[in-house]
């Protein structure tokens, strides 16, 4: 339980460092559990742009939090 809380805190801290677009896409995907097409529609971004932001966000969060998100 303590380890899970520590990991969650590390992930949240890493998410705070993302660019606004990356943070939005990341949160919509993993908190709101939206599909990529839904995120594209909600944000007005092209679906490929959503994929790029999500890829970069995941890479950054994994590097900073040292976890498998």
PDB file of N, CA and C in Angstrom:
ATOM      1  N   UNK A   1       0.828  -1.179   0.000  1.00  0.00           N
ATOM      2  CA  UNK A   1       0.000   0.000   0.000  1.00  0.00           C
ATOM      3  C   UNK A   1       0.883   1.258   0.000  1.00  0.00           C
ATOM      4  N   UNK A   2       1.900   1.278   0.828  1.00  0.00           N
ATOM      5  CA  UNK A   2       2.798   2.428   0.890  1.00  0.00           C
ATOM      6  C   UNK A   2       3.559   2.583  -0.424  1.00  0.00           C
ATOM      7  N   UNK A   3       4.002   1.472  -0.983  1.00  0.00           N
ATOM      8  CA  UNK A   3       4.722   1.505  -2.253  1.00  0.00           C
ATOM      9  C   UNK A   3       3.826   2.043  -3.367  1.00  0.00           C
ATOM     10  N   UNK A   4       2.587   1.612  -3.394  1.00  0.00           N
ATOM     11  CA  UNK A   4       1.636   2.082  -4.410  1.00  0.00           C
ATOM     12  C   UNK A   4       1.410   3.589  -4.281  1.00  0.00           C
ATOM     13  N   UNK A   5       1.298   4.071  -3.058  1.00  0.00           N
ATOM     14  CA  UNK A   5       1.114   5.514  -2.844  1.00  0.00           C
ATOM     15  C   UNK A   5       2.339   6.298  -3.295  1.00  0.00           C
ATOM     16  N   UNK A   6       3.519   5.769  -3.016  1.00  0.00           N
ATOM     17  CA  UNK A   6       4.750   6.439  -3.429  1.00  0.00           C
ATOM     18  C   UNK A   6       4.840   6.501  -4.955  1.00  0.00           C
ATOM     19  N   UNK A   7       4.498   5.386  -5.602  1.00  0.00           N
ATOM     20  CA  UNK A   7       4.523   5.358  -7.066  1.00  0.00           C
ATOM     21  C   UNK A   7       3.501   6.333  -7.643  1.00  0.00           C
ATOM     22  N   UNK A   8       2.315   6.379  -7.065  1.00  0.00           N
ATOM     23  CA  UNK A   8       1.279   7.297  -7.534  1.00  0.00           C
ATOM     24  C   UNK A   8       1.747   8.741  -7.390  1.00  0.00           C
ATOM     25  N   UNK A   9       2.401   9.050  -6.293  1.00  0.00           N
ATOM     26  CA  UNK A   9       2.919  10.399  -6.074  1.00  0.00           C
ATOM     27  C   UNK A   9       3.987  10.740  -7.104  1.00  0.00           C
ATOM     28  N   UNK A  10       4.867   9.788  -7.407  1.00  0.00           N
ATOM     29  CA  UNK A  10       5.912  10.012  -8.407  1.00  0.00           C
ATOM     30  C   UNK A  10       5.300  10.259  -9.784  1.00  0.00           C
ATOM     31  N   UNK A  11       4.268   9.486 -10.122  1.00  0.00           N
ATOM     32  CA  UNK A  11       3.607   9.656 -11.419  1.00  0.00           C
ATOM     33  C   UNK A  11       2.935  11.029 -11.480  1.00  0.00           C
ATOM     34  N   UNK A  12       2.228  11.395 -10.431  1.00  0.00           N
ATOM     35  CA  UNK A  12       1.553  12.707 -10.417  1.00  0.00           C
ATOM     36  C   UNK A  12       2.557  13.852 -10.513  1.00  0.00           C
ATOM     37  N   UNK A  13       3.664  13.737  -9.828  1.00  0.00           N
ATOM     38  CA  UNK A  13       4.708  14.764  -9.910  1.00  0.00           C
ATOM     39  C   UNK A  13       5.255  14.854 -11.338  1.00  0.00           C
ATOM     40  N   UNK A  14       5.435  13.699 -11.980  1.00  0.00           N
ATOM     41  CA  UNK A  14       5.935  13.676 -13.356  1.00  0.00           C
ATOM     42  C   UNK A  14       4.910  14.281 -14.312  1.00  0.00           C
ATOM     43  N   UNK A  15       3.635  14.003 -14.090  1.00  0.00           N
ATOM     44  CA  UNK A  15       2.576  14.537 -14.947  1.00  0.00           C
ATOM     45  C   UNK A  15       2.557  16.064 -14.868  1.00  0.00           C
ATOM     46  N   UNK A  16       2.836  16.614 -13.704  1.00  0.00           N
ATOM     47  CA  UNK A  16       2.842  18.067 -13.537  1.00  0.00           C
ATOM     48  C   UNK A  16       3.899  18.750 -14.396  1.00  0.00           C
ATOM     49  N   UNK A  17       4.928  18.020 -14.812  1.00  0.00           N
ATOM     50  CA  UNK A  17       6.011  18.608 -15.603  1.00  0.00           C
ATOM     51  C   UNK A  17       5.742  18.545 -17.105  1.00  0.00           C
ATOM     52  N   UNK A  18       4.677  17.862 -17.520  1.00  0.00           N
ATOM     53  CA  UNK A  18       4.369  17.725 -18.940  1.00  0.00           C
ATOM     54  C   UNK A  18       3.884  19.054 -19.525  1.00  0.00           C
ATOM     55  N   UNK A  19       3.999  19.163 -20.837  1.00  0.00           N
ATOM     56  CA  UNK A  19       3.427  20.331 -21.515  1.00  0.00           C
ATOM     57  C   UNK A  19       1.903  20.272 -21.354  1.00  0.00           C
ATOM     58  N   UNK A  20       1.232  21.388 -21.515  1.00  0.00           N
ATOM     59  CA  UNK A  20      -0.232  21.377 -21.356  1.00  0.00           C
ATOM     60  C   UNK A  20      -0.940  20.357 -22.262  1.00  0.00           C
ATOM     61  N   UNK A  21      -0.529  20.264 -23.522  1.00  0.00           N
ATOM     62  CA  UNK A  21      -1.163  19.296 -24.427  1.00  0.00           C
ATOM     63  C   UNK A  21      -0.882  17.859 -24.003  1.00  0.00           C
ATOM     64  N   UNK A  22       0.358  17.583 -23.632  1.00  0.00           N
ATOM     65  CA  UNK A  22       0.694  16.231 -23.181  1.00  0.00           C
ATOM     66  C   UNK A  22      -0.072  15.875 -21.919  1.00  0.00           C
ATOM     67  N   UNK A  23      -0.155  16.801 -20.982  1.00  0.00           N
ATOM     68  CA  UNK A  23      -0.864  16.559 -19.725  1.00  0.00           C
ATOM     69  C   UNK A  23      -2.353  16.287 -19.988  1.00  0.00           C
ATOM     70  N   UNK A  24      -2.948  17.095 -20.859  1.00  0.00           N
ATOM     71  CA  UNK A  24      -4.360  16.919 -21.181  1.00  0.00           C
ATOM     72  C   UNK A  24      -4.623  15.539 -21.779  1.00  0.00           C
ATOM     73  N   UNK A  25      -3.828  15.176 -22.771  1.00  0.00           N
ATOM     74  CA  UNK A  25      -4.005  13.881 -23.429  1.00  0.00           C
ATOM     75  C   UNK A  25      -3.770  12.741 -22.439  1.00  0.00           C
ATOM     76  N   UNK A  26      -2.729  12.839 -21.645  1.00  0.00           N
ATOM     77  CA  UNK A  26      -2.413  11.805 -20.655  1.00  0.00           C
ATOM     78  C   UNK A  26      -3.572  11.611 -19.677  1.00  0.00           C
ATOM     79  N   UNK A  27      -4.075  12.708 -19.133  1.00  0.00           N
ATOM     80  CA  UNK A  27      -5.155  12.613 -18.144  1.00  0.00           C
ATOM     81  C   UNK A  27      -6.455  12.114 -18.766  1.00  0.00           C
ATOM     82  N   UNK A  28      -6.769  12.573 -19.969  1.00  0.00           N
ATOM     83  CA  UNK A  28      -7.983  12.083 -20.624  1.00  0.00           C
ATOM     84  C   UNK A  28      -7.891  10.591 -20.905  1.00  0.00           C
ATOM     85  N   UNK A  29      -6.705  10.125 -21.261  1.00  0.00           N
ATOM     86  CA  UNK A  29      -6.533   8.697 -21.575  1.00  0.00           C
ATOM     87  C   UNK A  29      -6.557   7.834 -20.319  1.00  0.00           C
ATOM     88  N   UNK A  30      -5.812   8.228 -19.288  1.00  0.00           N
ATOM     89  CA  UNK A  30      -5.621   7.330 -18.145  1.00  0.00           C
ATOM     90  C   UNK A  30      -6.503   7.639 -16.942  1.00  0.00           C
ATOM     91  N   UNK A  31      -6.989   8.842 -16.817  1.00  0.00           N
ATOM     92  CA  UNK A  31      -7.895   9.164 -15.710  1.00  0.00           C
ATOM     93  C   UNK A  31      -9.347   9.021 -16.178  1.00  0.00           C
ATOM     94  N   UNK A  32      -9.646   9.654 -17.320  1.00  0.00           N
ATOM     95  CA  UNK A  32     -11.007   9.599 -17.843  1.00  0.00           C
ATOM     96  C   UNK A  32     -11.252   8.365 -18.719  1.00  0.00           C
ATOM     97  N   UNK A  33     -10.178   7.631 -19.028  1.00  0.00           N
ATOM     98  CA  UNK A  33     -10.244   6.385 -19.799  1.00  0.00           C
ATOM     99  C   UNK A  33     -10.915   6.575 -21.159  1.00  0.00           C
ATOM    100  N   UNK A  34     -10.597   7.688 -21.810  1.00  0.00           N
ATOM    101  CA  UNK A  34     -11.138   7.970 -23.134  1.00  0.00           C
ATOM    102  C   UNK A  34     -10.292   7.286 -24.202  1.00  0.00           C
ATOM    103  N   UNK A  35     -10.935   6.920 -25.299  1.00  0.00           N
ATOM    104  CA  UNK A  35     -10.235   6.361 -26.455  1.00  0.00           C
ATOM    105  C   UNK A  35      -9.560   7.510 -27.213  1.00  0.00           C
ATOM    106  N   UNK A  36      -8.586   7.162 -28.048  1.00  0.00           N
ATOM    107  CA  UNK A  36      -7.843   8.188 -28.776  1.00  0.00           C
ATOM    108  C   UNK A  36      -8.755   9.034 -29.656  1.00  0.00           C
ATOM    109  N   UNK A  37      -9.718   8.420 -30.322  1.00  0.00           N
ATOM    110  CA  UNK A  37     -10.649   9.171 -31.173  1.00  0.00           C
ATOM    111  C   UNK A  37     -11.480  10.152 -30.340  1.00  0.00           C
ATOM    112  N   UNK A  38     -11.873   9.734 -29.157  1.00  0.00           N
ATOM    113  CA  UNK A  38     -12.637  10.610 -28.264  1.00  0.00           C
ATOM    114  C   UNK A  38     -11.793  11.793 -27.815  1.00  0.00           C
ATOM    115  N   UNK A  39     -10.529  11.533 -27.506  1.00  0.00           N
ATOM    116  CA  UNK A  39      -9.621  12.601 -27.083  1.00  0.00           C
ATOM    117  C   UNK A  39      -9.431  13.593 -28.226  1.00  0.00           C
ATOM    118  N   UNK A  40      -9.263  13.065 -29.435  1.00  0.00           N
ATOM    119  CA  UNK A  40      -9.093  13.932 -30.598  1.00  0.00           C
ATOM    120  C   UNK A  40     -10.314  14.831 -30.772  1.00  0.00           C
ATOM    121  N   UNK A  41     -11.480  14.259 -30.631  1.00  0.00           N
ATOM    122  CA  UNK A  41     -12.711  15.039 -30.779  1.00  0.00           C
ATOM    123  C   UNK A  41     -12.836  16.086 -29.661  1.00  0.00           C
ATOM    124  N   UNK A  42     -12.544  15.679 -28.444  1.00  0.00           N
ATOM    125  CA  UNK A  42     -12.693  16.576 -27.294  1.00  0.00           C
ATOM    126  C   UNK A  42     -11.704  17.738 -27.332  1.00  0.00           C
ATOM    127  N   UNK A  43     -10.512  17.490 -27.855  1.00  0.00           N
ATOM    128  CA  UNK A  43      -9.471  18.519 -27.857  1.00  0.00           C
ATOM    129  C   UNK A  43      -9.376  19.282 -29.171  1.00  0.00           C
ATOM    130  N   UNK A  44     -10.005  18.749 -30.217  1.00  0.00           N
ATOM    131  CA  UNK A  44      -9.900  19.363 -31.536  1.00  0.00           C
ATOM    132  C   UNK A  44      -8.593  19.059 -32.235  1.00  0.00           C
ATOM    133  N   UNK A  45      -7.843  18.105 -31.687  1.00  0.00           N
ATOM    134  CA  UNK A  45      -6.576  17.703 -32.304  1.00  0.00           C
ATOM    135  C   UNK A  45      -6.822  16.576 -33.294  1.00  0.00           C
ATOM    136  N   UNK A  46      -5.914  16.444 -34.243  1.00  0.00           N
ATOM    137  CA  UNK A  46      -5.893  15.302 -35.139  1.00  0.00           C
ATOM    138  C   UNK A  46      -5.544  14.063 -34.309  1.00  0.00           C
ATOM    139  N   UNK A  47      -6.076  12.910 -34.661  1.00  0.00           N
ATOM    140  CA  UNK A  47      -5.803  11.701 -33.877  1.00  0.00           C
ATOM    141  C   UNK A  47      -4.312  11.362 -33.853  1.00  0.00           C
ATOM    142  N   UNK A  48      -3.608  11.601 -34.943  1.00  0.00           N
ATOM    143  CA  UNK A  48      -2.163  11.344 -34.953  1.00  0.00           C
ATOM    144  C   UNK A  48      -1.424  12.286 -34.007  1.00  0.00           C
ATOM    145  N   UNK A  49      -1.907  13.505 -33.879  1.00  0.00           N
ATOM    146  CA  UNK A  49      -1.320  14.459 -32.933  1.00  0.00           C
ATOM    147  C   UNK A  49      -1.542  13.981 -31.503  1.00  0.00           C
ATOM    148  N   UNK A  50      -2.728  13.457 -31.238  1.00  0.00           N
ATOM    149  CA  UNK A  50      -3.032  12.891 -29.915  1.00  0.00           C
ATOM    150  C   UNK A  50      -2.062  11.749 -29.619  1.00  0.00           C
ATOM    151  N   UNK A  51      -1.841  10.878 -30.587  1.00  0.00           N
ATOM    152  CA  UNK A  51      -0.916   9.753 -30.401  1.00  0.00           C
ATOM    153  C   UNK A  51       0.492  10.248 -30.086  1.00  0.00           C
ATOM    154  N   UNK A  52       0.926  11.276 -30.790  1.00  0.00           N
ATOM    155  CA  UNK A  52       2.267  11.829 -30.554  1.00  0.00           C
ATOM    156  C   UNK A  52       2.389  12.398 -29.148  1.00  0.00           C
ATOM    157  N   UNK A  53       1.386  13.174 -28.744  1.00  0.00           N
ATOM    158  CA  UNK A  53       1.418  13.749 -27.396  1.00  0.00           C
ATOM    159  C   UNK A  53       1.394  12.648 -26.335  1.00  0.00           C
ATOM    160  N   UNK A  54       0.587  11.627 -26.558  1.00  0.00           N
ATOM    161  CA  UNK A  54       0.503  10.533 -25.588  1.00  0.00           C
ATOM    162  C   UNK A  54       1.818   9.773 -25.507  1.00  0.00           C
ATOM    163  N   UNK A  55       2.435   9.492 -26.646  1.00  0.00           N
ATOM    164  CA  UNK A  55       3.717   8.791 -26.667  1.00  0.00           C
ATOM    165  C   UNK A  55       4.774   9.574 -25.897  1.00  0.00           C
ATOM    166  N   UNK A  56       4.856  10.873 -26.178  1.00  0.00           N
ATOM    167  CA  UNK A  56       5.860  11.708 -25.502  1.00  0.00           C
ATOM    168  C   UNK A  56       5.572  11.834 -24.009  1.00  0.00           C
ATOM    169  N   UNK A  57       4.294  11.934 -23.674  1.00  0.00           N
ATOM    170  CA  UNK A  57       3.924  12.023 -22.259  1.00  0.00           C
ATOM    171  C   UNK A  57       4.299  10.738 -21.523  1.00  0.00           C
ATOM    172  N   UNK A  58       3.985   9.603 -22.109  1.00  0.00           N
ATOM    173  CA  UNK A  58       4.321   8.326 -21.472  1.00  0.00           C
ATOM    174  C   UNK A  58       5.825   8.173 -21.291  1.00  0.00           C
ATOM    175  N   UNK A  59       6.562   8.517 -22.332  1.00  0.00           N
ATOM    176  CA  UNK A  59       8.025   8.409 -22.247  1.00  0.00           C
ATOM    177  C   UNK A  59       8.567   9.286 -21.125  1.00  0.00           C
ATOM    178  N   UNK A  60       8.071  10.503 -21.038  1.00  0.00           N
ATOM    179  CA  UNK A  60       8.530  11.435 -20.017  1.00  0.00           C
ATOM    180  C   UNK A  60       8.155  10.966 -18.612  1.00  0.00           C
ATOM    181  N   UNK A  61       6.924  10.537 -18.434  1.00  0.00           N
ATOM    182  CA  UNK A  61       6.475  10.076 -17.113  1.00  0.00           C
ATOM    183  C   UNK A  61       7.274   8.844 -16.690  1.00  0.00           C
ATOM    184  N   UNK A  62       7.492   7.928 -17.617  1.00  0.00           N
ATOM    185  CA  UNK A  62       8.275   6.723 -17.278  1.00  0.00           C
ATOM    186  C   UNK A  62       9.694   7.089 -16.860  1.00  0.00           C
ATOM    187  N   UNK A  63      10.303   8.019 -17.569  1.00  0.00           N
ATOM    188  CA  UNK A  63      11.666   8.435 -17.237  1.00  0.00           C
ATOM    189  C   UNK A  63      11.729   9.120 -15.873  1.00  0.00           C
ATOM    190  N   UNK A  64      10.785  10.003 -15.609  1.00  0.00           N
ATOM    191  CA  UNK A  64      10.815  10.779 -14.376  1.00  0.00           C
ATOM    192  C   UNK A  64      10.325  10.000 -13.166  1.00  0.00           C
ATOM    193  N   UNK A  65       9.363   9.120 -13.381  1.00  0.00           N
ATOM    194  CA  UNK A  65       8.797   8.379 -12.246  1.00  0.00           C
ATOM    195  C   UNK A  65       9.444   7.009 -12.092  1.00  0.00           C
ATOM    196  N   UNK A  66      10.161   6.564 -13.114  1.00  0.00           N
ATOM    197  CA  UNK A  66      10.805   5.262 -13.039  1.00  0.00           C
ATOM    198  C   UNK A  66       9.815   4.128 -12.863  1.00  0.00           C
ATOM    199  N   UNK A  67       8.704   4.222 -13.581  1.00  0.00           N
ATOM    200  CA  UNK A  67       7.658   3.215 -13.440  1.00  0.00           C
ATOM    201  C   UNK A  67       7.091   2.846 -14.799  1.00  0.00           C
ATOM    202  N   UNK A  68       6.348   1.767 -14.846  1.00  0.00           N
ATOM    203  CA  UNK A  68       5.701   1.313 -16.079  1.00  0.00           C
ATOM    204  C   UNK A  68       4.254   1.771 -16.083  1.00  0.00           C
ATOM    205  N   UNK A  69       4.027   2.948 -16.616  1.00  0.00           N
ATOM    206  CA  UNK A  69       2.670   3.490 -16.705  1.00  0.00           C
ATOM    207  C   UNK A  69       1.987   2.882 -17.886  1.00  0.00           C
TER     208      UNK A  69
END
